[in-house]
Every structure is written in structure tokens, then in C-alpha cells.
C-alpha atoms as a PDB file:
ATOM      1  CA  MET A   1     197.714 201.721 178.261  1.00  0.00           C
ATOM      2  CA  LYS A   2     195.161 203.985 176.679  1.00  0.00           C
ATOM      3  CA  LYS A   3     196.783 203.983 173.463  1.00  0.00           C
ATOM      4  CA  ILE A   4     196.890 200.381 173.317  1.00  0.00           C
ATOM      5  CA  LEU A   5     193.562 200.273 174.170  1.00  0.00           C
ATOM      6  CA  LEU A   6     192.584 202.885 171.466  1.00  0.00           C
ATOM      7  CA  TYR A   7     194.030 201.333 169.247  1.00  0.00           C
ATOM      8  CA  SER A   8     192.347 197.755 169.677  1.00  0.00           C
ATOM      9  CA  LEU A   9     188.956 199.939 169.379  1.00  0.00           C
ATOM     10  CA  ALA A  10     190.414 201.802 165.684  1.00  0.00           C
ATOM     11  CA  LEU A  11     190.583 198.175 164.721  1.00  0.00           C
ATOM     12  CA  MET A  12     187.225 197.092 165.748  1.00  0.00           C
ATOM     13  CA  LEU A  13     185.479 199.987 164.102  1.00  0.00           C
ATOM     14  CA  THR A  14     184.259 200.414 160.888  1.00  0.00           C
ATOM     15  CA  SER A  15     186.086 202.568 158.170  1.00  0.00           C
ATOM     16  CA  SER A  16     183.822 205.294 157.946  1.00  0.00           C
ATOM     17  CA  TRP A  17     184.584 207.583 160.873  1.00  0.00           C
ATOM     18  CA  LEU A  18     181.985 209.758 162.306  1.00  0.00           C
ATOM     19  CA  PHE A  19     183.142 213.020 163.014  1.00  0.00           C
ATOM     20  CA  GLY A  20     181.358 215.634 164.668  1.00  0.00           C
ATOM     21  CA  GLN A  21     181.740 217.592 168.626  1.00  0.00           C
ATOM     22  CA  THR A  22     180.835 215.709 171.406  1.00  0.00           C
ATOM     23  CA  PRO A  23     177.042 215.489 172.277  1.00  0.00           C
ATOM     24  CA  ASP A  24     177.331 217.022 175.148  1.00  0.00           C
ATOM     25  CA  GLY A  25     175.737 214.080 177.267  1.00  0.00           C
ATOM     26  CA  ASN A  26     172.096 213.960 174.909  1.00  0.00           C
ATOM     27  CA  LEU A  27     171.279 211.595 172.677  1.00  0.00           C
ATOM     28  CA  LYS A  28     167.640 211.816 172.035  1.00  0.00           C
ATOM     29  CA  ASP A  29     167.662 213.414 168.857  1.00  0.00           C
ATOM     30  CA  LEU A  30     170.109 211.355 167.312  1.00  0.00           C
ATOM     31  CA  TYR A  31     168.786 208.633 165.833  1.00  0.00           C
ATOM     32  CA  SER A  32     170.291 207.818 162.736  1.00  0.00           C
ATOM     33  CA  VAL A  33     174.523 207.699 161.329  1.00  0.00           C
ATOM     34  CA  ASN A  34     173.220 211.207 159.284  1.00  0.00           C
ATOM     35  CA  GLN A  35     172.598 213.083 162.563  1.00  0.00           C
ATOM     36  CA  LEU A  36     175.352 211.995 163.665  1.00  0.00           C
ATOM     37  CA  ALA A  37     177.607 213.273 160.871  1.00  0.00           C
ATOM     38  CA  ASN A  38     176.241 216.153 160.010  1.00  0.00           C
ATOM     39  CA  LEU A  39     177.038 217.549 163.670  1.00  0.00           C
ATOM     40  CA  ASN A  40     178.947 220.705 163.660  1.00  0.00           C
ATOM     41  CA  PRO A  41     181.733 221.047 165.486  1.00  0.00           C
ATOM     42  CA  LYS A  42     180.879 224.471 166.849  1.00  0.00           C
ATOM     43  CA  SER A  43     177.211 224.147 167.284  1.00  0.00           C
ATOM     44  CA  THR A  44     176.018 223.100 170.908  1.00  0.00           C
ATOM     45  CA  GLY A  45     173.315 219.768 170.480  1.00  0.00           C
ATOM     46  CA  PHE A  46     171.931 218.034 167.500  1.00  0.00           C
ATOM     47  CA  PRO A  47     170.061 219.458 165.039  1.00  0.00           C
ATOM     48  CA  THR A  48     165.987 220.526 165.641  1.00  0.00           C
ATOM     49  CA  PHE A  49     163.656 218.575 163.401  1.00  0.00           C
ATOM     50  CA  SER A  50     160.773 220.642 161.492  1.00  0.00           C
ATOM     51  CA  ASN A  51     157.606 219.559 162.287  1.00  0.00           C
ATOM     52  CA  VAL A  52     157.372 217.769 159.191  1.00  0.00           C
ATOM     53  CA  ASN A  53     160.490 215.434 160.712  1.00  0.00           C
ATOM     54  CA  ARG A  54     160.654 215.763 164.342  1.00  0.00           C
ATOM     55  CA  VAL A  55     160.295 212.073 165.909  1.00  0.00           C
ATOM     56  CA  LYS A  56     159.690 211.843 169.423  1.00  0.00           C
ATOM     57  CA  GLY A  57     161.750 209.604 171.529  1.00  0.00           C
ATOM     58  CA  SER A  58     164.677 207.899 170.326  1.00  0.00           C
ATOM     59  CA  PRO A  59     166.306 204.584 169.430  1.00  0.00           C
ATOM     60  CA  TYR A  60     168.697 204.659 172.369  1.00  0.00           C
ATOM     61  CA  LEU A  61     168.717 202.403 175.525  1.00  0.00           C
ATOM     62  CA  PHE A  62     169.896 205.338 177.234  1.00  0.00           C
ATOM     63  CA  GLU A  63     169.137 209.099 176.366  1.00  0.00           C
ATOM     64  CA  GLU A  64     172.428 209.598 177.356  1.00  0.00           C
ATOM     65  CA  TRP A  65     176.155 208.393 176.769  1.00  0.00           C
ATOM     66  CA  ARG A  66     177.409 205.703 179.423  1.00  0.00           C
ATOM     67  CA  GLN A  67     180.622 204.181 180.851  1.00  0.00           C
ATOM     68  CA  GLY A  68     180.949 200.429 180.092  1.00  0.00           C
ATOM     69  CA  GLN A  69     183.140 197.896 178.938  1.00  0.00           C
ATOM     70  CA  ILE A  70     183.663 195.997 175.853  1.00  0.00           C
ATOM     71  CA  GLN A  71     184.849 192.824 174.988  1.00  0.00           C
ATOM     72  CA  ALA A  72     185.942 191.320 171.774  1.00  0.00           C
ATOM     73  CA  ARG A  73     184.652 188.474 170.042  1.00  0.00           C
ATOM     74  CA  GLY A  74     186.949 185.563 170.758  1.00  0.00           C
ATOM     75  CA  GLY A  75     189.195 188.039 172.584  1.00  0.00           C
ATOM     76  CA  ASN A  76     189.471 189.517 176.566  1.00  0.00           C
ATOM     77  CA  MET A  77     187.709 192.526 177.901  1.00  0.00           C
ATOM     78  CA  LEU A  78     189.314 195.637 176.945  1.00  0.00           C
ATOM     79  CA  GLY A  79     190.264 197.174 180.031  1.00  0.00           C
ATOM     80  CA  GLU A  80     189.295 201.018 180.143  1.00  0.00           C
ATOM     81  CA  GLN A  81     185.558 202.099 180.718  1.00  0.00           C
ATOM     82  CA  LEU A  82     184.736 204.193 177.743  1.00  0.00           C
ATOM     83  CA  ASN A  83     181.545 206.391 176.989  1.00  0.00           C
ATOM     84  CA  LEU A  84     178.730 203.866 175.033  1.00  0.00           C
ATOM     85  CA  ALA A  85     175.281 204.705 173.134  1.00  0.00           C
ATOM     86  CA  VAL A  86     173.388 201.224 172.327  1.00  0.00           C
ATOM     87  CA  ASP A  87     170.689 202.065 169.144  1.00  0.00           C
ATOM     88  CA  LEU A  88     168.365 199.500 169.820  1.00  0.00           C
ATOM     89  CA  ASP A  89     166.505 200.031 166.432  1.00  0.00           C
ATOM     90  CA  ASN A  90     169.427 199.078 164.288  1.00  0.00           C
ATOM     91  CA  HIS A  91     171.354 197.251 166.918  1.00  0.00           C
ATOM     92  CA  VAL A  92     174.921 199.513 166.637  1.00  0.00           C
ATOM     93  CA  LEU A  93     176.631 200.056 169.381  1.00  0.00           C
ATOM     94  CA  TYR A  94     178.760 203.389 169.414  1.00  0.00           C
ATOM     95  CA  ALA A  95     182.012 204.089 171.412  1.00  0.00           C
ATOM     96  CA  GLN A  96     183.037 207.790 171.861  1.00  0.00           C
ATOM     97  CA  LEU A  97     187.756 207.145 171.597  1.00  0.00           C
ATOM     98  CA  ASN A  98     187.572 210.936 172.832  1.00  0.00           C
ATOM     99  CA  GLU A  99     185.787 214.320 172.709  1.00  0.00           C
ATOM    100  CA  ASP A 100     185.684 213.994 168.775  1.00  0.00           C
ATOM    101  CA  LYS A 101     186.179 210.537 167.461  1.00  0.00           C
ATOM    102  CA  TYR A 102     183.835 208.493 168.313  1.00  0.00           C
ATOM    103  CA  GLY A 103     182.436 205.349 165.549  1.00  0.00           C
ATOM    104  CA  ASP A 104     180.368 202.616 165.229  1.00  0.00           C
ATOM    105  CA  ILE A 105     181.320 198.657 166.237  1.00  0.00           C
ATOM    106  CA  PRO A 106     180.405 195.936 164.086  1.00  0.00           C
ATOM    107  CA  ILE A 107     178.004 194.044 165.962  1.00  0.00           C
ATOM    108  CA  GLU A 108     179.825 190.631 164.681  1.00  0.00           C
ATOM    109  CA  LYS A 109     182.871 191.119 166.328  1.00  0.00           C
ATOM    110  CA  ILE A 110     181.478 192.085 169.678  1.00  0.00           C
ATOM    111  CA  GLN A 111     181.016 189.507 172.329  1.00  0.00           C
ATOM    112  CA  MET A 112     179.522 191.213 174.947  1.00  0.00           C
ATOM    113  CA  PHE A 113     179.777 194.553 176.911  1.00  0.00           C
ATOM    114  CA  THR A 114     178.604 196.069 180.255  1.00  0.00           C
ATOM    115  CA  LEU A 115     177.069 199.531 180.758  1.00  0.00           C
ATOM    116  CA  THR A 116     176.635 201.681 183.774  1.00  0.00           C
ATOM    117  CA  ASP A 117     173.538 203.894 184.689  1.00  0.00           C
ATOM    118  CA  ASP A 118     172.449 204.830 189.095  1.00  0.00           C
ATOM    119  CA  ASN A 119     175.162 202.190 189.835  1.00  0.00           C
ATOM    120  CA  LYS A 120     173.500 199.078 188.019  1.00  0.00           C
ATOM    121  CA  THR A 121     175.352 197.463 185.655  1.00  0.00           C
ATOM    122  CA  TYR A 122     173.601 196.108 182.355  1.00  0.00           C
ATOM    123  CA  TRP A 123     175.232 193.198 181.301  1.00  0.00           C
ATOM    124  CA  PHE A 124     174.460 192.711 177.140  1.00  0.00           C
ATOM    125  CA  GLU A 125     175.957 189.569 174.767  1.00  0.00           C
ATOM    126  CA  VAL A 126     175.605 189.009 170.844  1.00  0.00           C
ATOM    127  CA  HIS A 127     173.393 185.965 170.009  1.00  0.00           C
ATOM    128  CA  ASP A 128     171.784 184.936 166.866  1.00  0.00           C
ATOM    129  CA  LEU A 129     169.149 183.045 168.133  1.00  0.00           C
ATOM    130  CA  SER A 130     167.553 181.923 165.544  1.00  0.00           C
ATOM    131  CA  ARG A 131     170.492 179.988 164.300  1.00  0.00           C
ATOM    132  CA  GLU A 132     171.635 178.644 167.610  1.00  0.00           C
ATOM    133  CA  PHE A 133     167.922 177.778 168.464  1.00  0.00           C
ATOM    134  CA  GLY A 134     165.440 177.955 165.654  1.00  0.00           C
ATOM    135  CA  ILE A 135     163.368 180.234 167.944  1.00  0.00           C
ATOM    136  CA  GLY A 136     163.711 184.570 168.424  1.00  0.00           C
ATOM    137  CA  PRO A 137     165.230 187.408 166.016  1.00  0.00           C
ATOM    138  CA  ARG A 138     166.461 186.294 163.300  1.00  0.00           C
ATOM    139  CA  GLY A 139     170.671 187.901 162.791  1.00  0.00           C
ATOM    140  CA  MET A 140     172.921 189.370 165.551  1.00  0.00           C
ATOM    141  CA  LYS A 141     171.380 191.342 168.152  1.00  0.00           C
ATOM    142  CA  TYR A 142     172.353 192.114 171.394  1.00  0.00           C
ATOM    143  CA  TYR A 143     170.456 190.769 174.358  1.00  0.00           C
ATOM    144  CA  GLU A 144     170.617 191.880 178.446  1.00  0.00           C
ATOM    145  CA  VAL A 145     171.222 189.025 180.637  1.00  0.00           C
ATOM    146  CA  LEU A 146     169.023 188.966 183.763  1.00  0.00           C
ATOM    147  CA  HIS A 147     170.275 186.211 185.291  1.00  0.00           C
ATOM    148  CA  ASN A 148     173.134 183.433 184.503  1.00  0.00           C
ATOM    149  CA  GLY A 149     173.086 180.172 187.058  1.00  0.00           C
ATOM    150  CA  PRO A 150     173.913 176.991 187.240  1.00  0.00           C
ATOM    151  CA  ASN A 151     170.617 175.831 185.754  1.00  0.00           C
ATOM    152  CA  TYR A 152     168.942 179.471 183.898  1.00  0.00           C
ATOM    153  CA  LEU A 153     169.786 181.298 181.414  1.00  0.00           C
ATOM    154  CA  VAL A 154     167.683 184.725 181.029  1.00  0.00           C
ATOM    155  CA  LEU A 155     167.663 186.602 178.559  1.00  0.00           C
ATOM    156  CA  HIS A 156     165.947 189.594 177.602  1.00  0.00           C
ATOM    157  CA  TYR A 157     165.657 190.994 174.473  1.00  0.00           C
ATOM    158  CA  HIS A 158     164.974 195.190 173.777  1.00  0.00           C
ATOM    159  CA  ASP A 159     164.253 196.419 170.200  1.00  0.00           C
ATOM    160  CA  LYS A 160     162.739 199.690 169.428  1.00  0.00           C
ATOM    161  CA  TYR A 161     161.506 200.859 166.183  1.00  0.00           C
ATOM    162  CA  LEU A 162     159.710 204.265 164.094  1.00  0.00           C
ATOM    163  CA  ARG A 163     156.295 203.581 164.217  1.00  0.00           C
ATOM    164  CA  LYS A 164     155.405 206.597 161.368  1.00  0.00           C
ATOM    165  CA  GLU A 165     152.256 208.813 162.028  1.00  0.00           C
ATOM    166  CA  SER A 166     150.349 209.911 159.157  1.00  0.00           C
ATOM    167  CA  HIS A 167     147.139 211.700 160.217  1.00  0.00           C
ATOM    168  CA  VAL A 168     146.829 215.095 161.352  1.00  0.00           C
ATOM    169  CA  GLU A 169     146.085 216.969 164.750  1.00  0.00           C
ATOM    170  CA  ASN A 170     144.287 219.838 163.960  1.00  0.00           C
ATOM    171  CA  LEU A 171     142.641 221.910 160.951  1.00  0.00           C
ATOM    172  CA  GLY A 172     146.628 223.346 160.961  1.00  0.00           C
ATOM    173  CA  MET A 173     147.751 220.125 159.170  1.00  0.00           C
ATOM    174  CA  VAL A 174     150.274 219.948 161.925  1.00  0.00           C
ATOM    175  CA  ARG A 175     151.473 216.236 161.539  1.00  0.00           C
ATOM    176  CA  ARG A 176     152.143 214.450 164.459  1.00  0.00           C
ATOM    177  CA  PRO A 177     155.621 213.530 165.863  1.00  0.00           C
ATOM    178  CA  ASP A 178     156.868 209.413 164.396  1.00  0.00           C
ATOM    179  CA  LYS A 179     157.628 208.494 167.496  1.00  0.00           C
ATOM    180  CA  PHE A 180     160.177 204.977 168.875  1.00  0.00           C
ATOM    181  CA  MET A 181     158.031 202.346 170.289  1.00  0.00           C
ATOM    182  CA  SER A 182     159.891 199.317 172.622  1.00  0.00           C
ATOM    183  CA  LEU A 183     159.595 195.850 172.373  1.00  0.00           C
ATOM    184  CA  HIS A 184     160.688 193.801 175.289  1.00  0.00           C
ATOM    185  CA  GLU A 185     160.874 190.133 175.411  1.00  0.00           C
ATOM    186  CA  TYR A 186     162.655 187.364 177.082  1.00  0.00           C
ATOM    187  CA  TYR A 187     163.899 184.266 176.904  1.00  0.00           C
ATOM    188  CA  VAL A 188     164.546 181.160 179.333  1.00  0.00           C
ATOM    189  CA  TYR A 189     167.643 178.516 178.513  1.00  0.00           C
ATOM    190  CA  ASN A 190     167.382 175.686 180.717  1.00  0.00           C
ATOM    191  CA  GLY A 191     170.121 173.304 179.661  1.00  0.00           C
ATOM    192  CA  LYS A 192     168.756 171.766 176.790  1.00  0.00           C
ATOM    193  CA  LYS A 193     166.322 174.627 175.023  1.00  0.00           C
ATOM    194  CA  LEU A 194     165.989 178.173 174.481  1.00  0.00           C
ATOM    195  CA  ILE A 195     161.830 179.424 175.522  1.00  0.00           C
ATOM    196  CA  GLN A 196     160.385 182.170 175.037  1.00  0.00           C
ATOM    197  CA  VAL A 197     158.521 183.296 178.095  1.00  0.00           C
ATOM    198  CA  LYS A 198     156.319 186.227 179.462  1.00  0.00           C
ATOM    199  CA  LYS A 199     156.273 187.620 182.668  1.00  0.00           C
ATOM    200  CA  SER A 200     153.564 186.020 183.704  1.00  0.00           C
ATOM    201  CA  SER A 201     152.486 183.391 186.246  1.00  0.00           C
ATOM    202  CA  LYS A 202     151.081 181.272 183.709  1.00  0.00           C
ATOM    203  CA  SER A 203     153.199 181.324 181.108  1.00  0.00           C
ATOM    204  CA  LEU A 204     156.318 180.361 183.454  1.00  0.00           C
ATOM    205  CA  ARG A 205     154.043 177.756 184.626  1.00  0.00           C
ATOM    206  CA  ASN A 206     153.366 176.354 181.299  1.00  0.00           C
ATOM    207  CA  ALA A 207     156.622 176.832 179.660  1.00  0.00           C
ATOM    208  CA  LEU A 208     159.028 174.804 183.351  1.00  0.00           C
ATOM    209  CA  PRO A 209     155.993 172.274 183.927  1.00  0.00           C
ATOM    210  CA  LYS A 210     158.009 170.223 185.507  1.00  0.00           C
ATOM    211  CA  GLU A 211     159.153 173.439 188.008  1.00  0.00           C
ATOM    212  CA  ALA A 212     155.381 173.890 187.759  1.00  0.00           C
ATOM    213  CA  LYS A 213     154.351 173.593 191.527  1.00  0.00           C
ATOM    214  CA  THR A 214     157.898 175.035 192.138  1.00  0.00           C
ATOM    215  CA  ILE A 215     156.808 178.054 190.610  1.00  0.00           C
ATOM    216  CA  LYS A 216     153.093 178.801 192.047  1.00  0.00           C
ATOM    217  CA  LYS A 217     155.067 178.299 195.411  1.00  0.00           C
ATOM    218  CA  LEU A 218     157.811 181.086 195.082  1.00  0.00           C
ATOM    219  CA  ILE A 219     155.657 183.286 193.912  1.00  0.00           C
ATOM    220  CA  LYS A 220     153.149 183.543 197.253  1.00  0.00           C
ATOM    221  CA  LYS A 221     156.013 182.634 199.830  1.00  0.00           C
ATOM    222  CA  HIS A 222     157.738 185.554 198.234  1.00  0.00           C
ATOM    223  CA  ASP A 223     155.159 187.339 197.043  1.00  0.00           C
ATOM    224  CA  LEU A 224     156.491 188.074 193.816  1.00  0.00           C
ATOM    225  CA  LYS A 225     154.734 190.109 191.165  1.00  0.00           C
ATOM    226  CA  VAL A 226     156.940 188.423 187.846  1.00  0.00           C
ATOM    227  CA  LYS A 227     155.995 191.365 185.622  1.00  0.00           C
ATOM    228  CA  LYS A 228     157.838 193.566 187.255  1.00  0.00           C
ATOM    229  CA  GLU A 229     161.698 193.049 186.184  1.00  0.00           C
ATOM    230  CA  ASP A 230     162.889 192.526 189.815  1.00  0.00           C
ATOM    231  CA  ASP A 231     160.714 189.834 190.926  1.00  0.00           C
ATOM    232  CA  PHE A 232     160.822 188.169 187.987  1.00  0.00           C
ATOM    233  CA  VAL A 233     164.731 187.659 188.030  1.00  0.00           C
ATOM    234  CA  LYS A 234     164.143 186.829 191.459  1.00  0.00           C
ATOM    235  CA  LEU A 235     161.836 183.964 190.386  1.00  0.00           C
ATOM    236  CA  PHE A 236     165.134 182.396 189.055  1.00  0.00           C
ATOM    237  CA  ILE A 237     167.687 183.096 191.319  1.00  0.00           C
ATOM    238  CA  LEU A 238     165.675 180.996 193.954  1.00  0.00           C
ATOM    239  CA  LEU A 239     164.712 178.339 191.229  1.00  0.00           C
ATOM    240  CA  ASP A 240     168.570 177.846 190.641  1.00  0.00           C
ATOM    241  CA  GLU A 241     169.081 178.297 194.909  1.00  0.00           C
ATOM    242  CA  GLY A 242     166.472 175.687 194.946  1.00  0.00           C
ATOM    243  CA  THR A 243     164.616 177.129 197.688  1.00  0.00           C
END
């Protein structure tokens, strides 16, 4: 079974394999394919950046490999759990096939994938919202599915970008490190159209005017703090339940 799975994944991977040591579970300093490809099989970790090239943070959703599953576009879920890492700057999914072989899976070949972290399972789908609905980021991107109910689909777009620092901290001319910044966008599909929303009562009521009174009532009744993602999701669960 494992050989069949690895063969299936090999067909999905790009032609340029990335070889190197297993990254000891830590992806903090891995921010480009070059860093991955340049790993020495005998080294103990990732290269140390100089003051000029140092980077704070990483483009990854998690700083370590996470177990997950992949569903190929138009296919079934690949049954076995794999070590996966999601680069949110370039929207690349990396899969570890064995102790010293891993590669990136083209986004156009992925339907969805899951990641498990601290007993929580994250579910991501691939969409081109700009092409499908006329709003949202252009091109295929990964979207976390926060809620998928009979009336509402709620998507969370995670993105990261590298902010370049040009000024210095002191007279020693030590440049501040470049830093990866996070961007979050939320989208709601109500069966008719896709709407971008913010995690606020006012934004939600404006986006869903027919449900404005119900939203206000549910927030008050259940003491929801919709700026918190758990309560934001709970609101849509309640809307779908009709409570």
C-alpha cells in the first residue's frame, strides 16, 4: 500500500526533486526552494543567515512538519498520512516521502488536503476565486474551510509576504531583519454569491442584510466575540442550524 501511495505522489510531484536531510521538524529558517535544495545531508539543520540576510519568521503555516492527507484533483484521498508543510508566501505544498526525499506538489494537481495540529484538523481546498466568482486573489490559492454547512461556506485565506527592511537599528549599521508578515481574508458563500467579510458584527450584517437581525440576536444571545475565529465560525453554525 505504501509503495502504491508513494508512486501516486511521485506522479504528482514536479520533475525537480529536492534532496537533503530531514529538517529535524523545524522549518523556521526555510523560506525558499534554494534553502531546501542546499541542505547538506550531514548537517544538523538549516543554514544560519548572516545579519544582512537574516529573516524573522517563515512563510510556513506551521514551523514544523504536520501530518496530513492529500486529495488529488479529480481523484480520491490518498489514504496514508504524510508529513506536509505549507508555504503561504508562494502557495506551495511540500510532502516528505521518506527520510531524505521530499518535493513540492503542483497546486493545480491538488483538490484539497488536511493538516493535523494539536488534535485539530485543518481542511484546505484549492480555488481560484477571482475566476470562479469575480472577487478575491487571482490564481489558484489554498483556502482553509472554516465551515461547510447547508446554507453557508466560510473560507479563510492565509497569506504571507516578506517585508524588506532597509533602515538600521544603531550606529553599528546593523540592519533590522526582513520579516514575514501575515495576511488574513475571509469569504462567505451563501449559495448565490461569494462575499468578502471581516470578523465584525457590522461587516457581517452589511454582507448578509437579510440575516442582519438574526446575526445581531445570535451574537447577543450566545455572547459571541466574532473577532475570535472560534466564535466567528460558531455564528455560521448557529445560522445554519436556524437557532
